[in-house]
Amino acid sequence: MTDAESLFALAFTGSDAHRVLWLPLLASLFATTRVKPWMLALAVFAIDRAWPLLAMIGAYEPGVIFSALRGGVTSLPSDIIWLALRFLAMFALVEIGWRLRLMLHGQRPVTTAASAAD
């Protein structure tokens, strides 16, 4: 197994913490320059939240599925805070990976002022 394959496997089969760390970084490496970091972070966040559902698809127990969706957090305010912090962490990692990929290819990130001038 190559390094890229092992990183990919770790992102999808590792623990919850591994998905938060590796999934955004892997996604940002394969994204095009037309994809903005917030779009990529939103897609990665949706995949991350859907992953427990896909793992529990054979359980057929609503309690198990909702618990997997919430990530084990039990109250609505803490759910919202937890999901917001998780999304912000993923957004930061996507932004870092996106900028690193652009720097490695010798490109500059497009700012909103530059894209408005187009």
PDB file of N, CA and C in Angstrom:
ATOM      1  N   MET A   1       0.856  -1.187   0.000  1.00  0.00           N
ATOM      2  CA  MET A   1       0.000   0.000   0.000  1.00  0.00           C
ATOM      3  C   MET A   1       0.896   1.243   0.000  1.00  0.00           C
ATOM      4  N   THR A   2       0.625   2.154  -0.885  1.00  0.00           N
ATOM      5  CA  THR A   2       1.428   3.374  -0.969  1.00  0.00           C
ATOM      6  C   THR A   2       1.047   4.329   0.157  1.00  0.00           C
ATOM      7  N   ASP A   3       1.830   5.390   0.318  1.00  0.00           N
ATOM      8  CA  ASP A   3       1.535   6.375   1.353  1.00  0.00           C
ATOM      9  C   ASP A   3       0.190   7.050   1.122  1.00  0.00           C
ATOM     10  N   ALA A   4      -0.110   7.393  -0.135  1.00  0.00           N
ATOM     11  CA  ALA A   4      -1.386   8.049  -0.442  1.00  0.00           C
ATOM     12  C   ALA A   4      -2.555   7.118  -0.141  1.00  0.00           C
ATOM     13  N   GLU A   5      -2.402   5.825  -0.467  1.00  0.00           N
ATOM     14  CA  GLU A   5      -3.475   4.858  -0.185  1.00  0.00           C
ATOM     15  C   GLU A   5      -3.684   4.683   1.307  1.00  0.00           C
ATOM     16  N   SER A   6      -2.582   4.654   2.073  1.00  0.00           N
ATOM     17  CA  SER A   6      -2.727   4.484   3.514  1.00  0.00           C
ATOM     18  C   SER A   6      -3.349   5.723   4.157  1.00  0.00           C
ATOM     19  N   LEU A   7      -3.014   6.921   3.664  1.00  0.00           N
ATOM     20  CA  LEU A   7      -3.658   8.133   4.176  1.00  0.00           C
ATOM     21  C   LEU A   7      -5.142   8.147   3.849  1.00  0.00           C
ATOM     22  N   PHE A   8      -5.480   7.726   2.639  1.00  0.00           N
ATOM     23  CA  PHE A   8      -6.879   7.670   2.220  1.00  0.00           C
ATOM     24  C   PHE A   8      -7.647   6.664   3.079  1.00  0.00           C
ATOM     25  N   ALA A   9      -7.042   5.503   3.328  1.00  0.00           N
ATOM     26  CA  ALA A   9      -7.691   4.485   4.154  1.00  0.00           C
ATOM     27  C   ALA A   9      -7.862   4.987   5.583  1.00  0.00           C
ATOM     28  N   LEU A  10      -6.868   5.676   6.103  1.00  0.00           N
ATOM     29  CA  LEU A  10      -6.956   6.218   7.458  1.00  0.00           C
ATOM     30  C   LEU A  10      -8.061   7.257   7.562  1.00  0.00           C
ATOM     31  N   ALA A  11      -8.227   8.065   6.531  1.00  0.00           N
ATOM     32  CA  ALA A  11      -9.263   9.099   6.556  1.00  0.00           C
ATOM     33  C   ALA A  11     -10.656   8.498   6.617  1.00  0.00           C
ATOM     34  N   PHE A  12     -10.850   7.371   5.957  1.00  0.00           N
ATOM     35  CA  PHE A  12     -12.192   6.804   5.881  1.00  0.00           C
ATOM     36  C   PHE A  12     -12.448   5.684   6.873  1.00  0.00           C
ATOM     37  N   THR A  13     -11.412   5.039   7.374  1.00  0.00           N
ATOM     38  CA  THR A  13     -11.647   3.927   8.289  1.00  0.00           C
ATOM     39  C   THR A  13     -11.147   4.215   9.692  1.00  0.00           C
ATOM     40  N   GLY A  14     -10.456   5.317   9.891  1.00  0.00           N
ATOM     41  CA  GLY A  14      -9.910   5.641  11.191  1.00  0.00           C
ATOM     42  C   GLY A  14     -10.970   6.143  12.151  1.00  0.00           C
ATOM     43  N   SER A  15     -10.522   6.583  13.291  1.00  0.00           N
ATOM     44  CA  SER A  15     -11.448   7.076  14.300  1.00  0.00           C
ATOM     45  C   SER A  15     -12.041   8.415  13.861  1.00  0.00           C
ATOM     46  N   ASP A  16     -12.957   8.914  14.674  1.00  0.00           N
ATOM     47  CA  ASP A  16     -13.605  10.184  14.402  1.00  0.00           C
ATOM     48  C   ASP A  16     -12.578  11.305  14.271  1.00  0.00           C
ATOM     49  N   ALA A  17     -11.584  11.303  15.139  1.00  0.00           N
ATOM     50  CA  ALA A  17     -10.548  12.337  15.101  1.00  0.00           C
ATOM     51  C   ALA A  17      -9.745  12.267  13.816  1.00  0.00           C
ATOM     52  N   HIS A  18      -9.490  11.067  13.322  1.00  0.00           N
ATOM     53  CA  HIS A  18      -8.756  10.937  12.063  1.00  0.00           C
ATOM     54  C   HIS A  18      -9.538  11.527  10.907  1.00  0.00           C
ATOM     55  N   ARG A  19     -10.874  11.323  10.894  1.00  0.00           N
ATOM     56  CA  ARG A  19     -11.681  11.889   9.812  1.00  0.00           C
ATOM     57  C   ARG A  19     -11.644  13.410   9.845  1.00  0.00           C
ATOM     58  N   VAL A  20     -11.683  13.998  11.032  1.00  0.00           N
ATOM     59  CA  VAL A  20     -11.653  15.461  11.138  1.00  0.00           C
ATOM     60  C   VAL A  20     -10.330  15.999  10.612  1.00  0.00           C
ATOM     61  N   LEU A  21      -9.260  15.283  10.830  1.00  0.00           N
ATOM     62  CA  LEU A  21      -7.944  15.763  10.420  1.00  0.00           C
ATOM     63  C   LEU A  21      -7.636  15.474   8.950  1.00  0.00           C
ATOM     64  N   TRP A  22      -7.795  14.231   8.515  1.00  0.00           N
ATOM     65  CA  TRP A  22      -7.314  13.842   7.200  1.00  0.00           C
ATOM     66  C   TRP A  22      -8.288  14.102   6.065  1.00  0.00           C
ATOM     67  N   LEU A  23      -9.584  13.980   6.306  1.00  0.00           N
ATOM     68  CA  LEU A  23     -10.550  14.168   5.227  1.00  0.00           C
ATOM     69  C   LEU A  23     -10.483  15.568   4.605  1.00  0.00           C
ATOM     70  N   PRO A  24     -10.442  16.656   5.410  1.00  0.00           N
ATOM     71  CA  PRO A  24     -10.319  17.982   4.788  1.00  0.00           C
ATOM     72  C   PRO A  24      -9.008  18.183   4.046  1.00  0.00           C
ATOM     73  N   LEU A  25      -7.920  17.679   4.598  1.00  0.00           N
ATOM     74  CA  LEU A  25      -6.628  17.856   3.938  1.00  0.00           C
ATOM     75  C   LEU A  25      -6.561  17.096   2.621  1.00  0.00           C
ATOM     76  N   LEU A  26      -7.081  15.870   2.604  1.00  0.00           N
ATOM     77  CA  LEU A  26      -7.107  15.109   1.360  1.00  0.00           C
ATOM     78  C   LEU A  26      -7.997  15.772   0.320  1.00  0.00           C
ATOM     79  N   ALA A  27      -9.143  16.244   0.754  1.00  0.00           N
ATOM     80  CA  ALA A  27     -10.063  16.898  -0.184  1.00  0.00           C
ATOM     81  C   ALA A  27      -9.437  18.152  -0.772  1.00  0.00           C
ATOM     82  N   SER A  28      -8.731  18.919   0.040  1.00  0.00           N
ATOM     83  CA  SER A  28      -8.137  20.162  -0.464  1.00  0.00           C
ATOM     84  C   SER A  28      -7.004  19.887  -1.442  1.00  0.00           C
ATOM     85  N   LEU A  29      -6.359  18.746  -1.327  1.00  0.00           N
ATOM     86  CA  LEU A  29      -5.288  18.416  -2.263  1.00  0.00           C
ATOM     87  C   LEU A  29      -5.813  18.074  -3.654  1.00  0.00           C
ATOM     88  N   PHE A  30      -7.023  17.536  -3.728  1.00  0.00           N
ATOM     89  CA  PHE A  30      -7.576  17.113  -5.017  1.00  0.00           C
ATOM     90  C   PHE A  30      -8.555  18.117  -5.605  1.00  0.00           C
ATOM     91  N   ALA A  31      -8.792  19.224  -4.931  1.00  0.00           N
ATOM     92  CA  ALA A  31      -9.752  20.216  -5.421  1.00  0.00           C
ATOM     93  C   ALA A  31      -9.127  21.062  -6.529  1.00  0.00           C
ATOM     94  N   THR A  32      -9.974  21.608  -7.365  1.00  0.00           N
ATOM     95  CA  THR A  32      -9.491  22.530  -8.391  1.00  0.00           C
ATOM     96  C   THR A  32      -9.463  23.938  -7.818  1.00  0.00           C
ATOM     97  N   THR A  33      -8.846  24.859  -8.531  1.00  0.00           N
ATOM     98  CA  THR A  33      -8.757  26.228  -8.040  1.00  0.00           C
ATOM     99  C   THR A  33     -10.105  26.949  -8.110  1.00  0.00           C
ATOM    100  N   ARG A  34     -11.035  26.430  -8.903  1.00  0.00           N
ATOM    101  CA  ARG A  34     -12.354  27.065  -8.987  1.00  0.00           C
ATOM    102  C   ARG A  34     -13.219  26.792  -7.762  1.00  0.00           C
ATOM    103  N   VAL A  35     -12.877  25.755  -7.018  1.00  0.00           N
ATOM    104  CA  VAL A  35     -13.628  25.411  -5.808  1.00  0.00           C
ATOM    105  C   VAL A  35     -13.110  26.271  -4.662  1.00  0.00           C
ATOM    106  N   LYS A  36     -13.986  26.989  -4.041  1.00  0.00           N
ATOM    107  CA  LYS A  36     -13.604  27.838  -2.911  1.00  0.00           C
ATOM    108  C   LYS A  36     -13.488  26.987  -1.648  1.00  0.00           C
ATOM    109  N   PRO A  37     -12.639  27.359  -0.705  1.00  0.00           N
ATOM    110  CA  PRO A  37     -12.466  26.560   0.509  1.00  0.00           C
ATOM    111  C   PRO A  37     -13.765  26.347   1.301  1.00  0.00           C
ATOM    112  N   TRP A  38     -14.641  27.351   1.340  1.00  0.00           N
ATOM    113  CA  TRP A  38     -15.874  27.165   2.117  1.00  0.00           C
ATOM    114  C   TRP A  38     -16.781  26.126   1.471  1.00  0.00           C
ATOM    115  N   MET A  39     -16.774  26.039   0.130  1.00  0.00           N
ATOM    116  CA  MET A  39     -17.566  25.016  -0.557  1.00  0.00           C
ATOM    117  C   MET A  39     -17.020  23.623  -0.250  1.00  0.00           C
ATOM    118  N   LEU A  40     -15.706  23.519  -0.302  1.00  0.00           N
ATOM    119  CA  LEU A  40     -15.058  22.244  -0.033  1.00  0.00           C
ATOM    120  C   LEU A  40     -15.279  21.825   1.423  1.00  0.00           C
ATOM    121  N   ALA A  41     -15.177  22.778   2.348  1.00  0.00           N
ATOM    122  CA  ALA A  41     -15.396  22.470   3.761  1.00  0.00           C
ATOM    123  C   ALA A  41     -16.822  21.999   3.998  1.00  0.00           C
ATOM    124  N   LEU A  42     -17.776  22.599   3.325  1.00  0.00           N
ATOM    125  CA  LEU A  42     -19.171  22.194   3.460  1.00  0.00           C
ATOM    126  C   LEU A  42     -19.375  20.766   2.938  1.00  0.00           C
ATOM    127  N   ALA A  43     -18.761  20.452   1.811  1.00  0.00           N
ATOM    128  CA  ALA A  43     -18.871  19.096   1.253  1.00  0.00           C
ATOM    129  C   ALA A  43     -18.203  18.072   2.164  1.00  0.00           C
ATOM    130  N   VAL A  44     -17.031  18.400   2.683  1.00  0.00           N
ATOM    131  CA  VAL A  44     -16.320  17.494   3.581  1.00  0.00           C
ATOM    132  C   VAL A  44     -17.117  17.292   4.865  1.00  0.00           C
ATOM    133  N   PHE A  45     -17.715  18.358   5.370  1.00  0.00           N
ATOM    134  CA  PHE A  45     -18.523  18.272   6.578  1.00  0.00           C
ATOM    135  C   PHE A  45     -19.733  17.360   6.350  1.00  0.00           C
ATOM    136  N   ALA A  46     -20.365  17.473   5.195  1.00  0.00           N
ATOM    137  CA  ALA A  46     -21.519  16.618   4.878  1.00  0.00           C
ATOM    138  C   ALA A  46     -21.092  15.152   4.782  1.00  0.00           C
ATOM    139  N   ILE A  47     -19.953  14.893   4.165  1.00  0.00           N
ATOM    140  CA  ILE A  47     -19.444  13.524   4.077  1.00  0.00           C
ATOM    141  C   ILE A  47     -19.126  12.989   5.468  1.00  0.00           C
ATOM    142  N   ASP A  48     -18.499  13.820   6.288  1.00  0.00           N
ATOM    143  CA  ASP A  48     -18.134  13.402   7.635  1.00  0.00           C
ATOM    144  C   ASP A  48     -19.372  13.072   8.462  1.00  0.00           C
ATOM    145  N   ARG A  49     -20.423  13.850   8.325  1.00  0.00           N
ATOM    146  CA  ARG A  49     -21.643  13.594   9.097  1.00  0.00           C
ATOM    147  C   ARG A  49     -22.418  12.418   8.535  1.00  0.00           C
ATOM    148  N   ALA A  50     -22.293  12.159   7.242  1.00  0.00           N
ATOM    149  CA  ALA A  50     -22.996  11.030   6.633  1.00  0.00           C
ATOM    150  C   ALA A  50     -22.283   9.705   6.893  1.00  0.00           C
ATOM    151  N   TRP A  51     -20.998   9.768   7.204  1.00  0.00           N
ATOM    152  CA  TRP A  51     -20.222   8.553   7.382  1.00  0.00           C
ATOM    153  C   TRP A  51     -20.792   7.632   8.458  1.00  0.00           C
ATOM    154  N   PRO A  52     -21.151   8.129   9.654  1.00  0.00           N
ATOM    155  CA  PRO A  52     -21.745   7.229  10.646  1.00  0.00           C
ATOM    156  C   PRO A  52     -23.072   6.624  10.171  1.00  0.00           C
ATOM    157  N   LEU A  53     -23.830   7.389   9.395  1.00  0.00           N
ATOM    158  CA  LEU A  53     -25.085   6.852   8.854  1.00  0.00           C
ATOM    159  C   LEU A  53     -24.818   5.693   7.901  1.00  0.00           C
ATOM    160  N   LEU A  54     -23.795   5.850   7.077  1.00  0.00           N
ATOM    161  CA  LEU A  54     -23.450   4.776   6.151  1.00  0.00           C
ATOM    162  C   LEU A  54     -22.968   3.543   6.909  1.00  0.00           C
ATOM    163  N   ALA A  55     -22.261   3.760   7.999  1.00  0.00           N
ATOM    164  CA  ALA A  55     -21.784   2.641   8.809  1.00  0.00           C
ATOM    165  C   ALA A  55     -22.934   1.948   9.535  1.00  0.00           C
ATOM    166  N   MET A  56     -23.993   2.697   9.863  1.00  0.00           N
ATOM    167  CA  MET A  56     -25.112   2.144  10.618  1.00  0.00           C
ATOM    168  C   MET A  56     -26.302   1.764   9.736  1.00  0.00           C
ATOM    169  N   ILE A  57     -26.120   1.780   8.431  1.00  0.00           N
ATOM    170  CA  ILE A  57     -27.255   1.601   7.535  1.00  0.00           C
ATOM    171  C   ILE A  57     -27.948   0.252   7.736  1.00  0.00           C
ATOM    172  N   GLY A  58     -27.218  -0.748   8.165  1.00  0.00           N
ATOM    173  CA  GLY A  58     -27.823  -2.054   8.380  1.00  0.00           C
ATOM    174  C   GLY A  58     -28.450  -2.226   9.755  1.00  0.00           C
ATOM    175  N   ALA A  59     -28.341  -1.239  10.630  1.00  0.00           N
ATOM    176  CA  ALA A  59     -28.834  -1.386  12.002  1.00  0.00           C
ATOM    177  C   ALA A  59     -30.354  -1.300  12.077  1.00  0.00           C
ATOM    178  N   TYR A  60     -30.967  -0.483  11.261  1.00  0.00           N
ATOM    179  CA  TYR A  60     -32.419  -0.293  11.222  1.00  0.00           C
ATOM    180  C   TYR A  60     -33.009   0.143  12.559  1.00  0.00           C
ATOM    181  N   GLU A  61     -32.198   0.726  13.408  1.00  0.00           N
ATOM    182  CA  GLU A  61     -32.709   1.229  14.683  1.00  0.00           C
ATOM    183  C   GLU A  61     -32.571   2.746  14.676  1.00  0.00           C
ATOM    184  N   PRO A  62     -33.688   3.477  14.696  1.00  0.00           N
ATOM    185  CA  PRO A  62     -33.615   4.943  14.653  1.00  0.00           C
ATOM    186  C   PRO A  62     -32.760   5.532  15.770  1.00  0.00           C
ATOM    187  N   GLY A  63     -32.811   4.958  16.957  1.00  0.00           N
ATOM    188  CA  GLY A  63     -32.013   5.469  18.077  1.00  0.00           C
ATOM    189  C   GLY A  63     -30.527   5.408  17.797  1.00  0.00           C
ATOM    190  N   VAL A  64     -30.094   4.309  17.198  1.00  0.00           N
ATOM    191  CA  VAL A  64     -28.676   4.138  16.869  1.00  0.00           C
ATOM    192  C   VAL A  64     -28.266   5.131  15.793  1.00  0.00           C
ATOM    193  N   ILE A  65     -29.132   5.300  14.777  1.00  0.00           N
ATOM    194  CA  ILE A  65     -28.810   6.215  13.682  1.00  0.00           C
ATOM    195  C   ILE A  65     -28.754   7.657  14.168  1.00  0.00           C
ATOM    196  N   PHE A  66     -29.722   8.097  14.990  1.00  0.00           N
ATOM    197  CA  PHE A  66     -29.704   9.467  15.489  1.00  0.00           C
ATOM    198  C   PHE A  66     -28.527   9.700  16.422  1.00  0.00           C
ATOM    199  N   SER A  67     -28.177   8.704  17.223  1.00  0.00           N
ATOM    200  CA  SER A  67     -27.013   8.828  18.094  1.00  0.00           C
ATOM    201  C   SER A  67     -25.745   8.969  17.270  1.00  0.00           C
ATOM    202  N   ALA A  68     -25.644   8.227  16.167  1.00  0.00           N
ATOM    203  CA  ALA A  68     -24.469   8.331  15.293  1.00  0.00           C
ATOM    204  C   ALA A  68     -24.417   9.691  14.626  1.00  0.00           C
ATOM    205  N   LEU A  69     -25.576  10.200  14.229  1.00  0.00           N
ATOM    206  CA  LEU A  69     -25.625  11.523  13.605  1.00  0.00           C
ATOM    207  C   LEU A  69     -25.139  12.600  14.562  1.00  0.00           C
ATOM    208  N   ARG A  70     -25.590  12.515  15.806  1.00  0.00           N
ATOM    209  CA  ARG A  70     -25.218  13.528  16.792  1.00  0.00           C
ATOM    210  C   ARG A  70     -23.796  13.352  17.279  1.00  0.00           C
ATOM    211  N   GLY A  71     -23.201  12.212  17.038  1.00  0.00           N
ATOM    212  CA  GLY A  71     -21.844  11.973  17.501  1.00  0.00           C
ATOM    213  C   GLY A  71     -21.789  11.674  18.982  1.00  0.00           C
ATOM    214  N   GLY A  72     -22.895  11.222  19.554  1.00  0.00           N
ATOM    215  CA  GLY A  72     -22.928  10.866  20.967  1.00  0.00           C
ATOM    216  C   GLY A  72     -23.273  12.013  21.884  1.00  0.00           C
ATOM    217  N   VAL A  73     -23.385  13.235  21.395  1.00  0.00           N
ATOM    218  CA  VAL A  73     -23.744  14.381  22.220  1.00  0.00           C
ATOM    219  C   VAL A  73     -25.253  14.337  22.437  1.00  0.00           C
ATOM    220  N   THR A  74     -25.712  14.674  23.636  1.00  0.00           N
ATOM    221  CA  THR A  74     -27.097  14.367  23.966  1.00  0.00           C
ATOM    222  C   THR A  74     -28.080  15.523  23.938  1.00  0.00           C
ATOM    223  N   SER A  75     -27.651  16.759  24.027  1.00  0.00           N
ATOM    224  CA  SER A  75     -28.626  17.853  24.057  1.00  0.00           C
ATOM    225  C   SER A  75     -28.472  18.742  22.827  1.00  0.00           C
ATOM    226  N   LEU A  76     -29.568  19.381  22.434  1.00  0.00           N
ATOM    227  CA  LEU A  76     -29.564  20.196  21.216  1.00  0.00           C
ATOM    228  C   LEU A  76     -28.570  21.364  21.263  1.00  0.00           C
ATOM    229  N   PRO A  77     -28.511  22.164  22.352  1.00  0.00           N
ATOM    230  CA  PRO A  77     -27.508  23.258  22.352  1.00  0.00           C
ATOM    231  C   PRO A  77     -26.076  22.743  22.234  1.00  0.00           C
ATOM    232  N   SER A  78     -25.765  21.657  22.927  1.00  0.00           N
ATOM    233  CA  SER A  78     -24.403  21.130  22.812  1.00  0.00           C
ATOM    234  C   SER A  78     -24.179  20.516  21.442  1.00  0.00           C
ATOM    235  N   ASP A  79     -25.226  19.948  20.834  1.00  0.00           N
ATOM    236  CA  ASP A  79     -25.116  19.447  19.453  1.00  0.00           C
ATOM    237  C   ASP A  79     -24.735  20.568  18.504  1.00  0.00           C
ATOM    238  N   ILE A  80     -25.423  21.685  18.616  1.00  0.00           N
ATOM    239  CA  ILE A  80     -25.177  22.822  17.717  1.00  0.00           C
ATOM    240  C   ILE A  80     -23.771  23.360  17.915  1.00  0.00           C
ATOM    241  N   ILE A  81     -23.360  23.519  19.143  1.00  0.00           N
ATOM    242  CA  ILE A  81     -22.009  24.016  19.436  1.00  0.00           C
ATOM    243  C   ILE A  81     -20.960  23.035  18.925  1.00  0.00           C
ATOM    244  N   TRP A  82     -21.181  21.744  19.182  1.00  0.00           N
ATOM    245  CA  TRP A  82     -20.229  20.720  18.761  1.00  0.00           C
ATOM    246  C   TRP A  82     -20.109  20.683  17.242  1.00  0.00           C
ATOM    247  N   LEU A  83     -21.235  20.717  16.541  1.00  0.00           N
ATOM    248  CA  LEU A  83     -21.207  20.686  15.077  1.00  0.00           C
ATOM    249  C   LEU A  83     -20.556  21.948  14.509  1.00  0.00           C
ATOM    250  N   ALA A  84     -20.821  23.098  15.124  1.00  0.00           N
ATOM    251  CA  ALA A  84     -20.210  24.350  14.664  1.00  0.00           C
ATOM    252  C   ALA A  84     -18.685  24.307  14.839  1.00  0.00           C
ATOM    253  N   LEU A  85     -18.227  23.835  15.980  1.00  0.00           N
ATOM    254  CA  LEU A  85     -16.782  23.739  16.209  1.00  0.00           C
ATOM    255  C   LEU A  85     -16.131  22.740  15.257  1.00  0.00           C
ATOM    256  N   ARG A  86     -16.831  21.653  15.001  1.00  0.00           N
ATOM    257  CA  ARG A  86     -16.304  20.649  14.069  1.00  0.00           C
ATOM    258  C   ARG A  86     -16.205  21.231  12.657  1.00  0.00           C
ATOM    259  N   PHE A  87     -17.230  21.972  12.234  1.00  0.00           N
ATOM    260  CA  PHE A  87     -17.190  22.581  10.908  1.00  0.00           C
ATOM    261  C   PHE A  87     -16.065  23.609  10.825  1.00  0.00           C
ATOM    262  N   LEU A  88     -15.882  24.426  11.870  1.00  0.00           N
ATOM    263  CA  LEU A  88     -14.808  25.423  11.858  1.00  0.00           C
ATOM    264  C   LEU A  88     -13.436  24.755  11.790  1.00  0.00           C
ATOM    265  N   ALA A  89     -13.270  23.646  12.499  1.00  0.00           N
ATOM    266  CA  ALA A  89     -11.998  22.927  12.441  1.00  0.00           C
ATOM    267  C   ALA A  89     -11.759  22.387  11.030  1.00  0.00           C
ATOM    268  N   MET A  90     -12.807  21.836  10.421  1.00  0.00           N
ATOM    269  CA  MET A  90     -12.666  21.322   9.056  1.00  0.00           C
ATOM    270  C   MET A  90     -12.401  22.449   8.064  1.00  0.00           C
ATOM    271  N   PHE A  91     -13.070  23.574   8.249  1.00  0.00           N
ATOM    272  CA  PHE A  91     -12.846  24.714   7.358  1.00  0.00           C
ATOM    273  C   PHE A  91     -11.404  25.189   7.454  1.00  0.00           C
ATOM    274  N   ALA A  92     -10.872  25.272   8.672  1.00  0.00           N
ATOM    275  CA  ALA A  92      -9.486  25.711   8.848  1.00  0.00           C
ATOM    276  C   ALA A  92      -8.524  24.742   8.170  1.00  0.00           C
ATOM    277  N   LEU A  93      -8.760  23.452   8.309  1.00  0.00           N
ATOM    278  CA  LEU A  93      -7.880  22.471   7.669  1.00  0.00           C
ATOM    279  C   LEU A  93      -7.997  22.503   6.148  1.00  0.00           C
ATOM    280  N   VAL A  94      -9.208  22.694   5.650  1.00  0.00           N
ATOM    281  CA  VAL A  94      -9.386  22.819   4.199  1.00  0.00           C
ATOM    282  C   VAL A  94      -8.656  24.054   3.687  1.00  0.00           C
ATOM    283  N   GLU A  95      -8.788  25.153   4.388  1.00  0.00           N
ATOM    284  CA  GLU A  95      -8.118  26.395   3.988  1.00  0.00           C
ATOM    285  C   GLU A  95      -6.603  26.215   3.972  1.00  0.00           C
ATOM    286  N   ILE A  96      -6.067  25.564   4.993  1.00  0.00           N
ATOM    287  CA  ILE A  96      -4.625  25.322   5.057  1.00  0.00           C
ATOM    288  C   ILE A  96      -4.181  24.435   3.894  1.00  0.00           C
ATOM    289  N   GLY A  97      -4.892  23.330   3.680  1.00  0.00           N
ATOM    290  CA  GLY A  97      -4.530  22.420   2.596  1.00  0.00           C
ATOM    291  C   GLY A  97      -4.672  23.062   1.230  1.00  0.00           C
ATOM    292  N   TRP A  98      -5.714  23.874   1.059  1.00  0.00           N
ATOM    293  CA  TRP A  98      -5.964  24.548  -0.219  1.00  0.00           C
ATOM    294  C   TRP A  98      -4.839  25.528  -0.529  1.00  0.00           C
ATOM    295  N   ARG A  99      -4.446  26.311   0.469  1.00  0.00           N
ATOM    296  CA  ARG A  99      -3.361  27.282   0.260  1.00  0.00           C
ATOM    297  C   ARG A  99      -2.012  26.584   0.047  1.00  0.00           C
ATOM    298  N   LEU A 100      -1.777  25.491   0.760  1.00  0.00           N
ATOM    299  CA  LEU A 100      -0.538  24.749   0.556  1.00  0.00           C
ATOM    300  C   LEU A 100      -0.471  24.181  -0.858  1.00  0.00           C
ATOM    301  N   ARG A 101      -1.577  23.642  -1.345  1.00  0.00           N
ATOM    302  CA  ARG A 101      -1.601  23.092  -2.688  1.00  0.00           C
ATOM    303  C   ARG A 101      -1.338  24.180  -3.724  1.00  0.00           C
ATOM    304  N   LEU A 102      -1.932  25.353  -3.531  1.00  0.00           N
ATOM    305  CA  LEU A 102      -1.692  26.451  -4.463  1.00  0.00           C
ATOM    306  C   LEU A 102      -0.231  26.891  -4.431  1.00  0.00           C
ATOM    307  N   MET A 103       0.344  26.958  -3.227  1.00  0.00           N
ATOM    308  CA  MET A 103       1.748  27.354  -3.121  1.00  0.00           C
ATOM    309  C   MET A 103       2.666  26.336  -3.787  1.00  0.00           C
ATOM    310  N   LEU A 104       2.348  25.047  -3.637  1.00  0.00           N
ATOM    311  CA  LEU A 104       3.177  24.013  -4.252  1.00  0.00           C
ATOM    312  C   LEU A 104       3.131  24.079  -5.774  1.00  0.00           C
ATOM    313  N   HIS A 105       2.032  24.543  -6.319  1.00  0.00           N
ATOM    314  CA  HIS A 105       1.900  24.672  -7.773  1.00  0.00           C
ATOM    315  C   HIS A 105       2.281  26.061  -8.268  1.00  0.00           C
ATOM    316  N   GLY A 106       2.774  26.918  -7.380  1.00  0.00           N
ATOM    317  CA  GLY A 106       3.224  28.244  -7.778  1.00  0.00           C
ATOM    318  C   GLY A 106       2.104  29.205  -8.117  1.00  0.00           C
ATOM    319  N   GLN A 107       0.919  28.990  -7.574  1.00  0.00           N
ATOM    320  CA  GLN A 107      -0.216  29.873  -7.834  1.00  0.00           C
ATOM    321  C   GLN A 107      -0.514  30.700  -6.595  1.00  0.00           C
ATOM    322  N   ARG A 108      -1.243  31.779  -6.814  1.00  0.00           N
ATOM    323  CA  ARG A 108      -1.681  32.626  -5.713  1.00  0.00           C
ATOM    324  C   ARG A 108      -3.162  32.389  -5.465  1.00  0.00           C
ATOM    325  N   PRO A 109      -3.571  32.356  -4.180  1.00  0.00           N
ATOM    326  CA  PRO A 109      -5.005  32.276  -3.910  1.00  0.00           C
ATOM    327  C   PRO A 109      -5.702  33.542  -4.409  1.00  0.00           C
ATOM    328  N   VAL A 110      -6.863  33.376  -5.008  1.00  0.00           N
ATOM    329  CA  VAL A 110      -7.633  34.510  -5.513  1.00  0.00           C
ATOM    330  C   VAL A 110      -8.406  35.123  -4.363  1.00  0.00           C
ATOM    331  N   THR A 111      -8.232  36.424  -4.177  1.00  0.00           N
ATOM    332  CA  THR A 111      -8.975  37.108  -3.117  1.00  0.00           C
ATOM    333  C   THR A 111     -10.334  37.543  -3.652  1.00  0.00           C
ATOM    334  N   THR A 112     -11.209  37.960  -2.755  1.00  0.00           N
ATOM    335  CA  THR A 112     -12.547  38.368  -3.190  1.00  0.00           C
ATOM    336  C   THR A 112     -12.484  39.642  -4.025  1.00  0.00           C
ATOM    337  N   ALA A 113     -11.539  40.521  -3.738  1.00  0.00           N
ATOM    338  CA  ALA A 113     -11.409  41.750  -4.530  1.00  0.00           C
ATOM    339  C   ALA A 113     -10.962  41.421  -5.953  1.00  0.00           C
ATOM    340  N   ALA A 114     -10.059  40.465  -6.080  1.00  0.00           N
ATOM    341  CA  ALA A 114      -9.582  40.081  -7.411  1.00  0.00           C
ATOM    342  C   ALA A 114     -10.668  39.352  -8.196  1.00  0.00           C
ATOM    343  N   SER A 115     -11.459  38.531  -7.515  1.00  0.00           N
ATOM    344  CA  SER A 115     -12.517  37.814  -8.235  1.00  0.00           C
ATOM    345  C   SER A 115     -13.662  38.751  -8.596  1.00  0.00           C
ATOM    346  N   ALA A 116     -13.858  39.825  -7.840  1.00  0.00           N
ATOM    347  CA  ALA A 116     -14.903  40.796  -8.166  1.00  0.00           C
ATOM    348  C   ALA A 116     -14.521  41.617  -9.396  1.00  0.00           C
ATOM    349  N   ALA A 117     -13.209  41.774  -9.627  1.00  0.00           N
ATOM    350  CA  ALA A 117     -12.752  42.549 -10.781  1.00  0.00           C
ATOM    351  C   ALA A 117     -12.895  41.771 -12.084  1.00  0.00           C
ATOM    352  N   ASP A 118     -13.036  40.448 -11.997  1.00  0.00           N
ATOM    353  CA  ASP A 118     -13.154  39.623 -13.217  1.00  0.00           C
ATOM    354  C   ASP A 118     -14.439  39.819 -13.944  1.00  0.00           C
TER     355      ASP A 118
END
